[in-house]
Amino acid sequence: MKKMDINAVFVATCLAAFVGCLFMGIIAKYPIALAPGMGLNAFFAFTVVLTMGIPWQTALTGVLFRCDFCNPYINRFT
């Protein structure tokens, strides 16, 4: 099983938080920090991958599916 490079994961998390916060402040004009939303990373790493034993590639595909395909339907009906 391949492991993720810890430095690459750290940098990717920091960049995702920075870009998300920047877009929310400048483009959406709704200055809310999105870094607290990175809690999904902890759920993904500790619960899905370590506890359930699902390979990180499969779990990441599940997160992608949930974010890209389920969010539009959830947001439409709330």
PDB file of N, CA and C in Angstrom:
ATOM      1  N   MET A   1       0.840  -1.176   0.000  1.00  0.00           N
ATOM      2  CA  MET A   1       0.000   0.000   0.000  1.00  0.00           C
ATOM      3  C   MET A   1       0.885   1.239   0.000  1.00  0.00           C
ATOM      4  N   LYS A   2       0.613   2.163  -0.902  1.00  0.00           N
ATOM      5  CA  LYS A   2       1.383   3.401  -0.958  1.00  0.00           C
ATOM      6  C   LYS A   2       0.960   4.326   0.170  1.00  0.00           C
ATOM      7  N   LYS A   3       1.932   5.043   0.707  1.00  0.00           N
ATOM      8  CA  LYS A   3       1.630   6.024   1.746  1.00  0.00           C
ATOM      9  C   LYS A   3       1.723   7.415   1.155  1.00  0.00           C
ATOM     10  N   MET A   4       0.966   8.329   1.712  1.00  0.00           N
ATOM     11  CA  MET A   4       1.016   9.719   1.268  1.00  0.00           C
ATOM     12  C   MET A   4       2.221  10.398   1.904  1.00  0.00           C
ATOM     13  N   ASP A   5       2.902  11.233   1.136  1.00  0.00           N
ATOM     14  CA  ASP A   5       4.028  11.992   1.640  1.00  0.00           C
ATOM     15  C   ASP A   5       3.527  13.035   2.636  1.00  0.00           C
ATOM     16  N   ILE A   6       4.021  13.004   3.866  1.00  0.00           N
ATOM     17  CA  ILE A   6       3.532  13.881   4.923  1.00  0.00           C
ATOM     18  C   ILE A   6       3.749  15.352   4.600  1.00  0.00           C
ATOM     19  N   ASN A   7       4.865  15.679   3.974  1.00  0.00           N
ATOM     20  CA  ASN A   7       5.126  17.074   3.621  1.00  0.00           C
ATOM     21  C   ASN A   7       4.167  17.548   2.534  1.00  0.00           C
ATOM     22  N   ALA A   8       3.885  16.693   1.567  1.00  0.00           N
ATOM     23  CA  ALA A   8       2.951  17.057   0.507  1.00  0.00           C
ATOM     24  C   ALA A   8       1.540  17.246   1.061  1.00  0.00           C
ATOM     25  N   VAL A   9       1.144  16.402   1.988  1.00  0.00           N
ATOM     26  CA  VAL A   9      -0.184  16.527   2.603  1.00  0.00           C
ATOM     27  C   VAL A   9      -0.274  17.813   3.411  1.00  0.00           C
ATOM     28  N   PHE A  10       0.774  18.146   4.137  1.00  0.00           N
ATOM     29  CA  PHE A  10       0.803  19.369   4.933  1.00  0.00           C
ATOM     30  C   PHE A  10       0.670  20.598   4.037  1.00  0.00           C
ATOM     31  N   VAL A  11       1.457  20.642   2.972  1.00  0.00           N
ATOM     32  CA  VAL A  11       1.422  21.791   2.059  1.00  0.00           C
ATOM     33  C   VAL A  11       0.070  21.877   1.357  1.00  0.00           C
ATOM     34  N   ALA A  12      -0.473  20.754   0.923  1.00  0.00           N
ATOM     35  CA  ALA A  12      -1.772  20.762   0.242  1.00  0.00           C
ATOM     36  C   ALA A  12      -2.881  21.257   1.164  1.00  0.00           C
ATOM     37  N   THR A  13      -2.847  20.862   2.424  1.00  0.00           N
ATOM     38  CA  THR A  13      -3.849  21.325   3.384  1.00  0.00           C
ATOM     39  C   THR A  13      -3.735  22.822   3.614  1.00  0.00           C
ATOM     40  N   CYS A  14      -2.519  23.313   3.772  1.00  0.00           N
ATOM     41  CA  CYS A  14      -2.313  24.751   3.970  1.00  0.00           C
ATOM     42  C   CYS A  14      -2.760  25.547   2.756  1.00  0.00           C
ATOM     43  N   LEU A  15      -2.412  25.080   1.564  1.00  0.00           N
ATOM     44  CA  LEU A  15      -2.803  25.792   0.348  1.00  0.00           C
ATOM     45  C   LEU A  15      -4.317  25.773   0.141  1.00  0.00           C
ATOM     46  N   ALA A  16      -4.955  24.654   0.446  1.00  0.00           N
ATOM     47  CA  ALA A  16      -6.408  24.575   0.296  1.00  0.00           C
ATOM     48  C   ALA A  16      -7.107  25.535   1.252  1.00  0.00           C
ATOM     49  N   ALA A  17      -6.634  25.619   2.484  1.00  0.00           N
ATOM     50  CA  ALA A  17      -7.220  26.558   3.445  1.00  0.00           C
ATOM     51  C   ALA A  17      -6.993  27.998   3.003  1.00  0.00           C
ATOM     52  N   PHE A  18      -5.792  28.299   2.511  1.00  0.00           N
ATOM     53  CA  PHE A  18      -5.475  29.656   2.072  1.00  0.00           C
ATOM     54  C   PHE A  18      -6.334  30.064   0.875  1.00  0.00           C
ATOM     55  N   VAL A  19      -6.408  29.216  -0.124  1.00  0.00           N
ATOM     56  CA  VAL A  19      -7.174  29.542  -1.332  1.00  0.00           C
ATOM     57  C   VAL A  19      -8.665  29.653  -1.006  1.00  0.00           C
ATOM     58  N   GLY A  20      -9.170  28.752  -0.183  1.00  0.00           N
ATOM     59  CA  GLY A  20     -10.576  28.821   0.204  1.00  0.00           C
ATOM     60  C   GLY A  20     -10.914  30.097   0.942  1.00  0.00           C
ATOM     61  N   CYS A  21     -10.069  30.487   1.879  1.00  0.00           N
ATOM     62  CA  CYS A  21     -10.295  31.726   2.626  1.00  0.00           C
ATOM     63  C   CYS A  21     -10.178  32.944   1.718  1.00  0.00           C
ATOM     64  N   LEU A  22      -9.209  32.919   0.823  1.00  0.00           N
ATOM     65  CA  LEU A  22      -9.015  34.027  -0.110  1.00  0.00           C
ATOM     66  C   LEU A  22     -10.225  34.186  -1.031  1.00  0.00           C
ATOM     67  N   PHE A  23     -10.711  33.094  -1.591  1.00  0.00           N
ATOM     68  CA  PHE A  23     -11.877  33.158  -2.472  1.00  0.00           C
ATOM     69  C   PHE A  23     -13.112  33.636  -1.717  1.00  0.00           C
ATOM     70  N   MET A  24     -13.312  33.152  -0.511  1.00  0.00           N
ATOM     71  CA  MET A  24     -14.478  33.582   0.267  1.00  0.00           C
ATOM     72  C   MET A  24     -14.427  35.072   0.570  1.00  0.00           C
ATOM     73  N   GLY A  25     -13.234  35.593   0.847  1.00  0.00           N
ATOM     74  CA  GLY A  25     -13.115  37.009   1.179  1.00  0.00           C
ATOM     75  C   GLY A  25     -13.184  37.921  -0.018  1.00  0.00           C
ATOM     76  N   ILE A  26     -12.520  37.560  -1.097  1.00  0.00           N
ATOM     77  CA  ILE A  26     -12.412  38.456  -2.244  1.00  0.00           C
ATOM     78  C   ILE A  26     -13.548  38.244  -3.250  1.00  0.00           C
ATOM     79  N   ILE A  27     -13.793  37.027  -3.636  1.00  0.00           N
ATOM     80  CA  ILE A  27     -14.770  36.773  -4.695  1.00  0.00           C
ATOM     81  C   ILE A  27     -16.201  36.733  -4.150  1.00  0.00           C
ATOM     82  N   ALA A  28     -16.407  35.997  -3.066  1.00  0.00           N
ATOM     83  CA  ALA A  28     -17.760  35.863  -2.535  1.00  0.00           C
ATOM     84  C   ALA A  28     -18.146  37.032  -1.637  1.00  0.00           C
ATOM     85  N   LYS A  29     -17.202  37.834  -1.226  1.00  0.00           N
ATOM     86  CA  LYS A  29     -17.444  38.969  -0.322  1.00  0.00           C
ATOM     87  C   LYS A  29     -18.120  38.506   0.974  1.00  0.00           C
ATOM     88  N   TYR A  30     -17.705  37.328   1.412  1.00  0.00           N
ATOM     89  CA  TYR A  30     -18.248  36.730   2.635  1.00  0.00           C
ATOM     90  C   TYR A  30     -17.062  36.228   3.446  1.00  0.00           C
ATOM     91  N   PRO A  31     -16.409  37.131   4.194  1.00  0.00           N
ATOM     92  CA  PRO A  31     -15.119  36.796   4.817  1.00  0.00           C
ATOM     93  C   PRO A  31     -15.216  35.846   6.003  1.00  0.00           C
ATOM     94  N   ILE A  32     -15.376  34.584   5.698  1.00  0.00           N
ATOM     95  CA  ILE A  32     -15.398  33.553   6.734  1.00  0.00           C
ATOM     96  C   ILE A  32     -14.244  32.614   6.465  1.00  0.00           C
ATOM     97  N   ALA A  33     -13.469  32.352   7.485  1.00  0.00           N
ATOM     98  CA  ALA A  33     -12.318  31.455   7.318  1.00  0.00           C
ATOM     99  C   ALA A  33     -12.818  30.033   7.118  1.00  0.00           C
ATOM    100  N   LEU A  34     -12.256  29.349   6.144  1.00  0.00           N
ATOM    101  CA  LEU A  34     -12.674  27.992   5.843  1.00  0.00           C
ATOM    102  C   LEU A  34     -11.755  26.940   6.452  1.00  0.00           C
ATOM    103  N   ALA A  35     -10.697  27.360   7.115  1.00  0.00           N
ATOM    104  CA  ALA A  35      -9.769  26.402   7.704  1.00  0.00           C
ATOM    105  C   ALA A  35     -10.439  25.493   8.741  1.00  0.00           C
ATOM    106  N   PRO A  36     -11.399  25.976   9.552  1.00  0.00           N
ATOM    107  CA  PRO A  36     -12.057  25.049  10.471  1.00  0.00           C
ATOM    108  C   PRO A  36     -12.800  23.920   9.758  1.00  0.00           C
ATOM    109  N   GLY A  37     -13.157  24.110   8.506  1.00  0.00           N
ATOM    110  CA  GLY A  37     -13.803  23.063   7.738  1.00  0.00           C
ATOM    111  C   GLY A  37     -12.868  21.919   7.392  1.00  0.00           C
ATOM    112  N   MET A  38     -11.608  22.043   7.746  1.00  0.00           N
ATOM    113  CA  MET A  38     -10.645  20.990   7.477  1.00  0.00           C
ATOM    114  C   MET A  38     -10.813  19.810   8.429  1.00  0.00           C
ATOM    115  N   GLY A  39     -11.844  19.856   9.263  1.00  0.00           N
ATOM    116  CA  GLY A  39     -12.138  18.735  10.147  1.00  0.00           C
ATOM    117  C   GLY A  39     -12.449  17.461   9.380  1.00  0.00           C
ATOM    118  N   LEU A  40     -12.871  17.627   8.119  1.00  0.00           N
ATOM    119  CA  LEU A  40     -13.104  16.465   7.271  1.00  0.00           C
ATOM    120  C   LEU A  40     -11.817  15.680   7.083  1.00  0.00           C
ATOM    121  N   ASN A  41     -10.677  16.375   7.105  1.00  0.00           N
ATOM    122  CA  ASN A  41      -9.386  15.691   6.990  1.00  0.00           C
ATOM    123  C   ASN A  41      -9.167  14.733   8.158  1.00  0.00           C
ATOM    124  N   ALA A  42      -9.520  15.173   9.360  1.00  0.00           N
ATOM    125  CA  ALA A  42      -9.339  14.324  10.538  1.00  0.00           C
ATOM    126  C   ALA A  42     -10.265  13.111  10.474  1.00  0.00           C
ATOM    127  N   PHE A  43     -11.507  13.329  10.071  1.00  0.00           N
ATOM    128  CA  PHE A  43     -12.438  12.211   9.930  1.00  0.00           C
ATOM    129  C   PHE A  43     -11.923  11.226   8.891  1.00  0.00           C
ATOM    130  N   PHE A  44     -11.480  11.765   7.779  1.00  0.00           N
ATOM    131  CA  PHE A  44     -10.961  10.943   6.681  1.00  0.00           C
ATOM    132  C   PHE A  44      -9.766  10.115   7.142  1.00  0.00           C
ATOM    133  N   ALA A  45      -8.814  10.756   7.819  1.00  0.00           N
ATOM    134  CA  ALA A  45      -7.573  10.069   8.191  1.00  0.00           C
ATOM    135  C   ALA A  45      -7.780   9.060   9.319  1.00  0.00           C
ATOM    136  N   PHE A  46      -8.449   9.474  10.378  1.00  0.00           N
ATOM    137  CA  PHE A  46      -8.499   8.634  11.565  1.00  0.00           C
ATOM    138  C   PHE A  46      -9.645   7.629  11.555  1.00  0.00           C
ATOM    139  N   THR A  47     -10.814   8.043  11.104  1.00  0.00           N
ATOM    140  CA  THR A  47     -11.964   7.145  11.147  1.00  0.00           C
ATOM    141  C   THR A  47     -12.006   6.216   9.948  1.00  0.00           C
ATOM    142  N   VAL A  48     -11.980   6.804   8.762  1.00  0.00           N
ATOM    143  CA  VAL A  48     -12.184   5.996   7.561  1.00  0.00           C
ATOM    144  C   VAL A  48     -10.958   5.147   7.240  1.00  0.00           C
ATOM    145  N   VAL A  49      -9.785   5.761   7.238  1.00  0.00           N
ATOM    146  CA  VAL A  49      -8.594   5.034   6.808  1.00  0.00           C
ATOM    147  C   VAL A  49      -8.024   4.164   7.931  1.00  0.00           C
ATOM    148  N   LEU A  50      -7.776   4.735   9.096  1.00  0.00           N
ATOM    149  CA  LEU A  50      -7.124   3.970  10.162  1.00  0.00           C
ATOM    150  C   LEU A  50      -8.072   3.000  10.866  1.00  0.00           C
ATOM    151  N   THR A  51      -9.261   3.454  11.232  1.00  0.00           N
ATOM    152  CA  THR A  51     -10.168   2.600  11.992  1.00  0.00           C
ATOM    153  C   THR A  51     -10.858   1.563  11.105  1.00  0.00           C
ATOM    154  N   MET A  52     -11.382   2.004   9.970  1.00  0.00           N
ATOM    155  CA  MET A  52     -12.135   1.102   9.102  1.00  0.00           C
ATOM    156  C   MET A  52     -11.236   0.312   8.155  1.00  0.00           C
ATOM    157  N   GLY A  53      -9.994   0.741   8.002  1.00  0.00           N
ATOM    158  CA  GLY A  53      -9.048   0.014   7.177  1.00  0.00           C
ATOM    159  C   GLY A  53      -9.255   0.158   5.677  1.00  0.00           C
ATOM    160  N   ILE A  54      -9.990   1.186   5.271  1.00  0.00           N
ATOM    161  CA  ILE A  54     -10.215   1.425   3.842  1.00  0.00           C
ATOM    162  C   ILE A  54      -8.974   2.118   3.273  1.00  0.00           C
ATOM    163  N   PRO A  55      -8.489   1.697   2.103  1.00  0.00           N
ATOM    164  CA  PRO A  55      -7.320   2.371   1.516  1.00  0.00           C
ATOM    165  C   PRO A  55      -7.609   3.850   1.272  1.00  0.00           C
ATOM    166  N   TRP A  56      -6.588   4.698   1.439  1.00  0.00           N
ATOM    167  CA  TRP A  56      -6.818   6.135   1.346  1.00  0.00           C
ATOM    168  C   TRP A  56      -7.291   6.551  -0.040  1.00  0.00           C
ATOM    169  N   GLN A  57      -6.909   5.809  -1.085  1.00  0.00           N
ATOM    170  CA  GLN A  57      -7.358   6.153  -2.428  1.00  0.00           C
ATOM    171  C   GLN A  57      -8.876   5.978  -2.563  1.00  0.00           C
ATOM    172  N   THR A  58      -9.396   4.903  -1.998  1.00  0.00           N
ATOM    173  CA  THR A  58     -10.833   4.638  -2.045  1.00  0.00           C
ATOM    174  C   THR A  58     -11.599   5.637  -1.193  1.00  0.00           C
ATOM    175  N   ALA A  59     -11.083   5.932  -0.014  1.00  0.00           N
ATOM    176  CA  ALA A  59     -11.749   6.884   0.876  1.00  0.00           C
ATOM    177  C   ALA A  59     -11.765   8.282   0.272  1.00  0.00           C
ATOM    178  N   LEU A  60     -10.700   8.668  -0.392  1.00  0.00           N
ATOM    179  CA  LEU A  60     -10.638   9.984  -1.021  1.00  0.00           C
ATOM    180  C   LEU A  60     -11.643  10.075  -2.169  1.00  0.00           C
ATOM    181  N   THR A  61     -11.851   8.979  -2.869  1.00  0.00           N
ATOM    182  CA  THR A  61     -12.867   8.952  -3.917  1.00  0.00           C
ATOM    183  C   THR A  61     -14.258   9.142  -3.315  1.00  0.00           C
ATOM    184  N   GLY A  62     -14.490   8.558  -2.157  1.00  0.00           N
ATOM    185  CA  GLY A  62     -15.768   8.752  -1.468  1.00  0.00           C
ATOM    186  C   GLY A  62     -15.989  10.188  -1.050  1.00  0.00           C
ATOM    187  N   VAL A  63     -14.951  10.841  -0.570  1.00  0.00           N
ATOM    188  CA  VAL A  63     -15.054  12.254  -0.190  1.00  0.00           C
ATOM    189  C   VAL A  63     -15.342  13.100  -1.426  1.00  0.00           C
ATOM    190  N   LEU A  64     -14.677  12.809  -2.526  1.00  0.00           N
ATOM    191  CA  LEU A  64     -14.905  13.540  -3.770  1.00  0.00           C
ATOM    192  C   LEU A  64     -16.351  13.370  -4.229  1.00  0.00           C
ATOM    193  N   PHE A  65     -16.865  12.143  -4.176  1.00  0.00           N
ATOM    194  CA  PHE A  65     -18.246  11.889  -4.570  1.00  0.00           C
ATOM    195  C   PHE A  65     -19.212  12.672  -3.697  1.00  0.00           C
ATOM    196  N   ARG A  66     -18.977  12.650  -2.409  1.00  0.00           N
ATOM    197  CA  ARG A  66     -19.866  13.341  -1.477  1.00  0.00           C
ATOM    198  C   ARG A  66     -19.865  14.842  -1.733  1.00  0.00           C
ATOM    199  N   CYS A  67     -18.704  15.411  -1.955  1.00  0.00           N
ATOM    200  CA  CYS A  67     -18.608  16.863  -2.142  1.00  0.00           C
ATOM    201  C   CYS A  67     -19.144  17.306  -3.498  1.00  0.00           C
ATOM    202  N   ASP A  68     -18.806  16.592  -4.558  1.00  0.00           N
ATOM    203  CA  ASP A  68     -19.159  17.040  -5.898  1.00  0.00           C
ATOM    204  C   ASP A  68     -20.568  16.656  -6.331  1.00  0.00           C
ATOM    205  N   PHE A  69     -21.068  15.525  -5.879  1.00  0.00           N
ATOM    206  CA  PHE A  69     -22.350  15.059  -6.369  1.00  0.00           C
ATOM    207  C   PHE A  69     -23.489  15.226  -5.372  1.00  0.00           C
ATOM    208  N   CYS A  70     -23.201  15.157  -4.088  1.00  0.00           N
ATOM    209  CA  CYS A  70     -24.267  15.242  -3.097  1.00  0.00           C
ATOM    210  C   CYS A  70     -24.543  16.675  -2.648  1.00  0.00           C
ATOM    211  N   ASN A  71     -23.537  17.516  -2.565  1.00  0.00           N
ATOM    212  CA  ASN A  71     -23.745  18.878  -2.087  1.00  0.00           C
ATOM    213  C   ASN A  71     -24.752  19.672  -2.905  1.00  0.00           C
ATOM    214  N   PRO A  72     -24.728  19.620  -4.247  1.00  0.00           N
ATOM    215  CA  PRO A  72     -25.740  20.397  -4.982  1.00  0.00           C
ATOM    216  C   PRO A  72     -27.166  19.995  -4.632  1.00  0.00           C
ATOM    217  N   TYR A  73     -27.416  18.712  -4.407  1.00  0.00           N
ATOM    218  CA  TYR A  73     -28.756  18.267  -4.055  1.00  0.00           C
ATOM    219  C   TYR A  73     -29.120  18.630  -2.623  1.00  0.00           C
ATOM    220  N   ILE A  74     -28.157  18.540  -1.728  1.00  0.00           N
ATOM    221  CA  ILE A  74     -28.404  18.919  -0.343  1.00  0.00           C
ATOM    222  C   ILE A  74     -28.704  20.408  -0.248  1.00  0.00           C
ATOM    223  N   ASN A  75     -27.914  21.219  -0.943  1.00  0.00           N
ATOM    224  CA  ASN A  75     -28.099  22.666  -0.896  1.00  0.00           C
ATOM    225  C   ASN A  75     -29.381  23.111  -1.593  1.00  0.00           C
ATOM    226  N   ARG A  76     -29.837  22.367  -2.561  1.00  0.00           N
ATOM    227  CA  ARG A  76     -31.058  22.738  -3.288  1.00  0.00           C
ATOM    228  C   ARG A  76     -32.278  22.602  -2.394  1.00  0.00           C
ATOM    229  N   PHE A  77     -32.299  21.612  -1.522  1.00  0.00           N
ATOM    230  CA  PHE A  77     -33.490  21.333  -0.733  1.00  0.00           C
ATOM    231  C   PHE A  77     -33.421  21.852   0.702  1.00  0.00           C
ATOM    232  N   THR A  78     -32.408  22.627   1.024  1.00  0.00           N
ATOM    233  CA  THR A  78     -32.343  23.190   2.378  1.00  0.00           C
ATOM    234  C   THR A  78     -32.547  24.672   2.367  1.00  0.00           C
TER     235      THR A  78
END
